[in-house]
Amino acid sequence: MVAITQVEPLDGYTLRLGFDDGSERVVDLTDVLWGPMAEPLRDPGYFRRVRVDPELRTVVWPNGCSAPR
């Protein structure tokens, strides 16, 4: 399984992801930001606080929310 190693927030609710196999992918999360856990992510400043969790090897935010796989 390929793991996320880098994340860069882009415009809107879009992320550029880098993977351990050297590939990259741009994903738009606009349609999946719903529900109580995702509500803070609708704030553009908060959305940009995304990081890669070294154990989970996925993107996470300070509230513990992670991107859908």
Protein backbone atom coordinates (compact mmCIF):
# COMPACT_ATOMS: atom_id res chain seq x y z
CA MET A 1 0.00 0.00 0.00
CA VAL A 2 1.26 3.47 -0.92
CA ALA A 3 1.53 5.94 1.99
CA ILE A 4 1.19 9.72 2.04
CA THR A 5 4.47 11.48 2.84
CA GLN A 6 3.70 15.12 1.98
CA VAL A 7 0.66 17.39 1.92
CA GLU A 8 0.29 20.90 0.56
CA PRO A 9 -2.98 22.83 0.86
CA LEU A 10 -3.98 24.53 -2.39
CA ASP A 11 -6.93 26.81 -3.24
CA GLY A 12 -10.31 26.06 -1.73
CA TYR A 13 -10.51 22.62 -0.16
CA THR A 14 -7.90 21.04 -2.41
CA LEU A 15 -4.74 19.23 -1.32
CA ARG A 16 -1.64 18.13 -3.22
CA LEU A 17 -0.52 14.79 -1.81
CA GLY A 18 2.92 13.24 -2.20
CA PHE A 19 3.33 9.48 -1.82
CA ASP A 20 6.23 7.26 -0.83
CA ASP A 21 6.44 5.84 -4.36
CA GLY A 22 7.24 9.33 -5.71
CA SER A 23 3.80 9.97 -7.22
CA GLU A 24 1.60 12.99 -6.56
CA ARG A 25 -2.13 13.54 -6.66
CA VAL A 26 -4.36 16.59 -6.28
CA VAL A 27 -7.63 15.91 -4.44
CA ASP A 28 -10.63 18.18 -3.90
CA LEU A 29 -12.34 17.46 -0.57
CA THR A 30 -15.19 19.96 -1.04
CA ASP A 31 -17.86 17.26 -1.36
CA VAL A 32 -16.77 15.30 1.73
CA LEU A 33 -16.57 18.12 4.27
CA TRP A 34 -19.82 17.45 6.11
CA GLY A 35 -20.77 16.39 9.62
CA PRO A 36 -19.66 17.64 13.04
CA MET A 37 -16.01 16.54 12.77
CA ALA A 38 -15.55 18.19 9.38
CA GLU A 39 -17.29 21.46 10.31
CA PRO A 40 -14.06 23.21 11.47
CA LEU A 41 -12.41 22.23 8.17
CA ARG A 42 -14.84 24.45 6.29
CA ASP A 43 -12.90 27.41 7.69
CA PRO A 44 -10.17 27.99 5.05
CA GLY A 45 -7.56 28.96 7.68
CA TYR A 46 -8.22 25.83 9.69
CA PHE A 47 -8.24 23.64 6.57
CA ARG A 48 -4.72 24.87 5.79
CA ARG A 49 -3.49 23.45 9.15
CA VAL A 50 -3.42 19.99 7.57
CA ARG A 51 -0.41 17.75 8.20
CA VAL A 52 0.71 14.16 7.60
CA ASP A 53 0.37 11.88 10.62
CA PRO A 54 3.58 9.78 10.71
CA GLU A 55 1.86 6.76 12.27
CA LEU A 56 -1.38 6.74 10.30
CA ARG A 57 0.38 7.88 7.12
CA THR A 58 -2.61 9.97 6.11
CA VAL A 59 -3.56 13.63 6.39
CA VAL A 60 -5.02 14.93 9.65
CA TRP A 61 -6.10 18.19 11.24
CA PRO A 62 -5.70 19.41 14.84
CA ASN A 63 -9.24 18.24 15.78
CA GLY A 64 -8.33 14.64 14.89
CA CYS A 65 -10.29 14.63 11.66
CA SER A 66 -8.62 12.71 8.85
CA ALA A 67 -9.31 12.66 5.14
CA PRO A 68 -11.40 9.81 3.78
CA ARG A 69 -9.37 7.07 2.16
